Amino acid sequence: MLDLYNKQYTRETLKKYIYSVRLVDLLKTQKLDITFIVRYILNSKYQLNEVDEYITVDTVLMYQKHINRTQLIEAMMEYISDDDSIEDFETVSKKK
């Protein structure tokens, strides 16, 4: 399990464990880039925890001070596909 509150992880590591952490914890503890936020944090496909379903642009901006609102909204509008996504939860959960 990741130690989010004591370590910073790479984008690849966070993607690998995206289904085993709460997204809100990622927001609170990790420095995330706009692309990761749009593709994972704000994507309902990855919001498996009830708390995560309430993440908004304002929530992101509260915890990710380096993110600019305008740039985040533009990235959200430009995002179309899941090119950078990972396997779906069902596939991941069946792995040994």
N, C-alpha and C. Protein backbone atom coordinates (compact mmCIF):
# COMPACT_ATOMS: atom_id res chain seq x y z
N MET A 1 0.85 -1.18 0.00
CA MET A 1 0.00 0.00 0.00
C MET A 1 0.88 1.24 0.00
N LEU A 2 0.42 2.28 -0.61
CA LEU A 2 1.17 3.52 -0.69
C LEU A 2 1.10 4.29 0.63
N ASP A 3 2.17 4.95 0.93
CA ASP A 3 2.25 5.80 2.12
C ASP A 3 2.12 7.26 1.65
N LEU A 4 0.93 7.64 1.26
CA LEU A 4 0.69 8.93 0.63
C LEU A 4 1.06 10.12 1.50
N TYR A 5 0.88 9.98 2.79
CA TYR A 5 1.11 11.11 3.68
C TYR A 5 2.58 11.34 4.01
N ASN A 6 3.44 10.40 3.65
CA ASN A 6 4.85 10.54 3.97
C ASN A 6 5.79 10.48 2.77
N LYS A 7 5.26 10.12 1.60
CA LYS A 7 6.09 10.00 0.41
C LYS A 7 5.40 10.61 -0.80
N GLN A 8 6.21 11.06 -1.74
CA GLN A 8 5.71 11.53 -3.04
C GLN A 8 5.96 10.40 -4.04
N TYR A 9 4.98 10.15 -4.88
CA TYR A 9 5.08 9.07 -5.85
C TYR A 9 5.04 9.60 -7.28
N THR A 10 5.58 8.81 -8.18
CA THR A 10 5.55 9.17 -9.60
C THR A 10 4.14 9.00 -10.15
N ARG A 11 3.92 9.62 -11.26
CA ARG A 11 2.64 9.49 -11.96
C ARG A 11 2.33 8.03 -12.26
N GLU A 12 3.33 7.29 -12.72
CA GLU A 12 3.13 5.89 -13.06
C GLU A 12 2.72 5.06 -11.84
N THR A 13 3.35 5.31 -10.71
CA THR A 13 2.99 4.59 -9.49
C THR A 13 1.57 4.93 -9.06
N LEU A 14 1.21 6.19 -9.12
CA LEU A 14 -0.15 6.60 -8.74
C LEU A 14 -1.19 5.98 -9.66
N LYS A 15 -0.88 5.91 -10.96
CA LYS A 15 -1.80 5.27 -11.90
C LYS A 15 -1.95 3.78 -11.58
N LYS A 16 -0.85 3.15 -11.25
CA LYS A 16 -0.88 1.71 -10.95
C LYS A 16 -1.79 1.40 -9.76
N TYR A 17 -1.81 2.29 -8.78
CA TYR A 17 -2.57 2.05 -7.55
C TYR A 17 -3.84 2.90 -7.47
N ILE A 18 -4.28 3.44 -8.57
CA ILE A 18 -5.41 4.38 -8.58
C ILE A 18 -6.67 3.78 -7.95
N TYR A 19 -6.87 2.48 -8.08
CA TYR A 19 -8.07 1.85 -7.53
C TYR A 19 -7.93 1.48 -6.06
N SER A 20 -6.76 1.62 -5.50
CA SER A 20 -6.57 1.21 -4.10
C SER A 20 -6.41 2.39 -3.15
N VAL A 21 -6.58 3.60 -3.67
CA VAL A 21 -6.47 4.79 -2.82
C VAL A 21 -7.69 5.67 -3.04
N ARG A 22 -7.94 6.51 -2.07
CA ARG A 22 -9.00 7.50 -2.25
C ARG A 22 -8.42 8.66 -3.04
N LEU A 23 -9.14 9.12 -4.02
CA LEU A 23 -8.66 10.21 -4.86
C LEU A 23 -8.45 11.49 -4.05
N VAL A 24 -9.30 11.70 -3.09
CA VAL A 24 -9.17 12.89 -2.25
C VAL A 24 -7.85 12.86 -1.47
N ASP A 25 -7.40 11.67 -1.10
CA ASP A 25 -6.10 11.55 -0.43
C ASP A 25 -4.96 11.89 -1.38
N LEU A 26 -5.11 11.52 -2.63
CA LEU A 26 -4.10 11.92 -3.62
C LEU A 26 -4.05 13.44 -3.74
N LEU A 27 -5.21 14.05 -3.79
CA LEU A 27 -5.26 15.51 -3.87
C LEU A 27 -4.59 16.17 -2.67
N LYS A 28 -4.83 15.64 -1.51
CA LYS A 28 -4.30 16.22 -0.28
C LYS A 28 -2.80 16.03 -0.11
N THR A 29 -2.25 14.97 -0.67
CA THR A 29 -0.88 14.59 -0.32
C THR A 29 0.14 14.62 -1.44
N GLN A 30 -0.31 14.55 -2.68
CA GLN A 30 0.61 14.43 -3.81
C GLN A 30 0.53 15.68 -4.68
N LYS A 31 1.64 16.07 -5.27
CA LYS A 31 1.63 17.16 -6.23
C LYS A 31 1.28 16.55 -7.58
N LEU A 32 0.13 16.91 -8.09
CA LEU A 32 -0.41 16.32 -9.31
C LEU A 32 -0.40 17.31 -10.46
N ASP A 33 -0.25 16.81 -11.67
CA ASP A 33 -0.31 17.69 -12.84
C ASP A 33 -1.75 17.74 -13.36
N ILE A 34 -2.01 18.74 -14.17
CA ILE A 34 -3.36 18.97 -14.67
C ILE A 34 -3.90 17.76 -15.43
N THR A 35 -3.07 17.15 -16.26
CA THR A 35 -3.52 16.01 -17.04
C THR A 35 -3.96 14.86 -16.13
N PHE A 36 -3.19 14.58 -15.10
CA PHE A 36 -3.55 13.51 -14.16
C PHE A 36 -4.87 13.85 -13.46
N ILE A 37 -5.02 15.08 -13.09
CA ILE A 37 -6.24 15.50 -12.39
C ILE A 37 -7.46 15.33 -13.29
N VAL A 38 -7.34 15.74 -14.53
CA VAL A 38 -8.48 15.63 -15.45
C VAL A 38 -8.78 14.18 -15.77
N ARG A 39 -7.77 13.39 -16.05
CA ARG A 39 -7.98 12.00 -16.48
C ARG A 39 -8.40 11.07 -15.36
N TYR A 40 -8.00 11.37 -14.14
CA TYR A 40 -8.27 10.44 -13.04
C TYR A 40 -9.08 11.06 -11.90
N ILE A 41 -8.61 12.14 -11.34
CA ILE A 41 -9.25 12.72 -10.15
C ILE A 41 -10.67 13.21 -10.45
N LEU A 42 -10.84 13.89 -11.57
CA LEU A 42 -12.16 14.44 -11.92
C LEU A 42 -12.97 13.52 -12.82
N ASN A 43 -12.48 12.35 -13.09
CA ASN A 43 -13.14 11.38 -13.97
C ASN A 43 -13.99 10.44 -13.10
N SER A 44 -15.28 10.48 -13.27
CA SER A 44 -16.19 9.67 -12.44
C SER A 44 -15.91 8.17 -12.54
N LYS A 45 -15.27 7.75 -13.61
CA LYS A 45 -14.91 6.35 -13.80
C LYS A 45 -13.99 5.84 -12.68
N TYR A 46 -13.21 6.73 -12.11
CA TYR A 46 -12.26 6.36 -11.07
C TYR A 46 -12.72 6.75 -9.66
N GLN A 47 -13.85 7.38 -9.55
CA GLN A 47 -14.36 7.83 -8.27
C GLN A 47 -15.20 6.71 -7.64
N LEU A 48 -14.51 5.77 -7.03
CA LEU A 48 -15.17 4.58 -6.47
C LEU A 48 -15.60 4.77 -5.03
N ASN A 49 -15.07 5.76 -4.40
CA ASN A 49 -15.38 6.05 -3.00
C ASN A 49 -16.39 7.20 -2.97
N GLU A 50 -17.35 7.12 -2.08
CA GLU A 50 -18.39 8.15 -2.02
C GLU A 50 -17.81 9.55 -1.83
N VAL A 51 -16.79 9.66 -1.02
CA VAL A 51 -16.14 10.95 -0.78
C VAL A 51 -15.57 11.51 -2.08
N ASP A 52 -15.02 10.64 -2.89
CA ASP A 52 -14.40 11.07 -4.15
C ASP A 52 -15.42 11.61 -5.15
N GLU A 53 -16.65 11.17 -5.04
CA GLU A 53 -17.69 11.64 -5.95
C GLU A 53 -17.99 13.12 -5.77
N TYR A 54 -17.57 13.68 -4.66
CA TYR A 54 -17.83 15.10 -4.38
C TYR A 54 -16.66 16.00 -4.75
N ILE A 55 -15.64 15.45 -5.37
CA ILE A 55 -14.49 16.26 -5.79
C ILE A 55 -14.91 17.16 -6.95
N THR A 56 -14.62 18.44 -6.80
CA THR A 56 -14.94 19.43 -7.83
C THR A 56 -13.68 20.19 -8.20
N VAL A 57 -13.81 21.09 -9.14
CA VAL A 57 -12.70 21.96 -9.51
C VAL A 57 -12.22 22.73 -8.28
N ASP A 58 -13.15 23.22 -7.49
CA ASP A 58 -12.78 23.97 -6.28
C ASP A 58 -12.02 23.09 -5.29
N THR A 59 -12.39 21.84 -5.17
CA THR A 59 -11.67 20.91 -4.30
C THR A 59 -10.24 20.75 -4.79
N VAL A 60 -10.09 20.57 -6.08
CA VAL A 60 -8.75 20.43 -6.66
C VAL A 60 -7.92 21.66 -6.36
N LEU A 61 -8.48 22.84 -6.59
CA LEU A 61 -7.74 24.08 -6.39
C LEU A 61 -7.39 24.32 -4.93
N MET A 62 -8.21 23.83 -4.02
CA MET A 62 -7.93 23.99 -2.60
C MET A 62 -6.67 23.22 -2.20
N TYR A 63 -6.47 22.03 -2.76
CA TYR A 63 -5.34 21.19 -2.37
C TYR A 63 -4.14 21.27 -3.32
N GLN A 64 -4.38 21.65 -4.54
CA GLN A 64 -3.31 21.73 -5.53
C GLN A 64 -3.08 23.21 -5.87
N LYS A 65 -2.38 23.89 -5.01
CA LYS A 65 -2.19 25.35 -5.12
C LYS A 65 -1.46 25.76 -6.40
N HIS A 66 -0.70 24.87 -6.98
CA HIS A 66 0.06 25.18 -8.19
C HIS A 66 -0.79 25.14 -9.46
N ILE A 67 -2.04 24.70 -9.33
CA ILE A 67 -2.93 24.57 -10.49
C ILE A 67 -3.70 25.87 -10.68
N ASN A 68 -3.80 26.28 -11.93
CA ASN A 68 -4.52 27.49 -12.31
C ASN A 68 -5.93 27.09 -12.77
N ARG A 69 -6.94 27.77 -12.25
CA ARG A 69 -8.34 27.44 -12.57
C ARG A 69 -8.59 27.45 -14.08
N THR A 70 -8.16 28.49 -14.74
CA THR A 70 -8.41 28.61 -16.18
C THR A 70 -7.77 27.46 -16.95
N GLN A 71 -6.54 27.14 -16.63
CA GLN A 71 -5.85 26.04 -17.31
C GLN A 71 -6.54 24.70 -17.02
N LEU A 72 -7.01 24.51 -15.80
CA LEU A 72 -7.69 23.27 -15.45
C LEU A 72 -9.00 23.15 -16.24
N ILE A 73 -9.77 24.19 -16.29
CA ILE A 73 -11.04 24.15 -17.02
C ILE A 73 -10.80 23.93 -18.52
N GLU A 74 -9.77 24.58 -19.07
CA GLU A 74 -9.44 24.36 -20.48
C GLU A 74 -9.05 22.91 -20.72
N ALA A 75 -8.26 22.33 -19.83
CA ALA A 75 -7.85 20.93 -19.97
C ALA A 75 -9.05 20.00 -19.89
N MET A 76 -10.00 20.33 -19.03
CA MET A 76 -11.22 19.52 -18.92
C MET A 76 -12.03 19.58 -20.21
N MET A 77 -12.10 20.74 -20.81
CA MET A 77 -12.87 20.91 -22.04
C MET A 77 -12.19 20.21 -23.22
N GLU A 78 -10.87 20.15 -23.20
CA GLU A 78 -10.12 19.54 -24.30
C GLU A 78 -10.02 18.02 -24.17
N TYR A 79 -10.23 17.52 -22.98
CA TYR A 79 -10.07 16.08 -22.75
C TYR A 79 -11.22 15.32 -23.39
N ILE A 80 -10.87 14.37 -24.25
CA ILE A 80 -11.88 13.62 -24.99
C ILE A 80 -11.80 12.13 -24.70
N SER A 81 -10.60 11.59 -24.72
CA SER A 81 -10.47 10.13 -24.63
C SER A 81 -9.71 9.68 -23.41
N ASP A 82 -9.65 8.39 -23.26
CA ASP A 82 -8.94 7.75 -22.15
C ASP A 82 -7.62 7.16 -22.64
N ASP A 83 -6.94 7.85 -23.51
CA ASP A 83 -5.69 7.35 -24.08
C ASP A 83 -4.67 6.95 -23.01
N ASP A 84 -4.66 7.68 -21.92
CA ASP A 84 -3.67 7.45 -20.87
C ASP A 84 -4.24 6.65 -19.71
N SER A 85 -5.40 6.06 -19.91
CA SER A 85 -6.06 5.36 -18.80
C SER A 85 -5.42 4.00 -18.55
N ILE A 86 -5.88 3.38 -17.49
CA ILE A 86 -5.40 2.05 -17.13
C ILE A 86 -6.55 1.07 -17.25
N GLU A 87 -6.26 -0.17 -16.93
CA GLU A 87 -7.30 -1.19 -17.01
C GLU A 87 -8.48 -0.83 -16.10
N ASP A 88 -9.64 -1.35 -16.46
CA ASP A 88 -10.81 -1.09 -15.64
C ASP A 88 -10.72 -1.81 -14.30
N PHE A 89 -11.52 -1.37 -13.36
CA PHE A 89 -11.47 -1.91 -12.00
C PHE A 89 -11.70 -3.41 -11.96
N GLU A 90 -12.65 -3.91 -12.73
CA GLU A 90 -12.95 -5.34 -12.72
C GLU A 90 -11.72 -6.16 -13.13
N THR A 91 -11.04 -5.74 -14.18
CA THR A 91 -9.83 -6.44 -14.63
C THR A 91 -8.76 -6.41 -13.56
N VAL A 92 -8.53 -5.25 -12.98
CA VAL A 92 -7.51 -5.09 -11.94
C VAL A 92 -7.84 -5.93 -10.72
N SER A 93 -9.09 -5.95 -10.31
CA SER A 93 -9.48 -6.68 -9.10
C SER A 93 -9.36 -8.20 -9.24
N LYS A 94 -9.37 -8.71 -10.46
CA LYS A 94 -9.27 -10.16 -10.68
C LYS A 94 -7.84 -10.65 -10.82
N LYS A 95 -6.89 -9.73 -10.86
CA LYS A 95 -5.48 -10.11 -10.97
C LYS A 95 -5.00 -10.70 -9.65
N LYS A 96 -4.10 -11.63 -9.76
CA LYS A 96 -3.53 -12.25 -8.56
C LYS A 96 -2.24 -11.61 -8.21
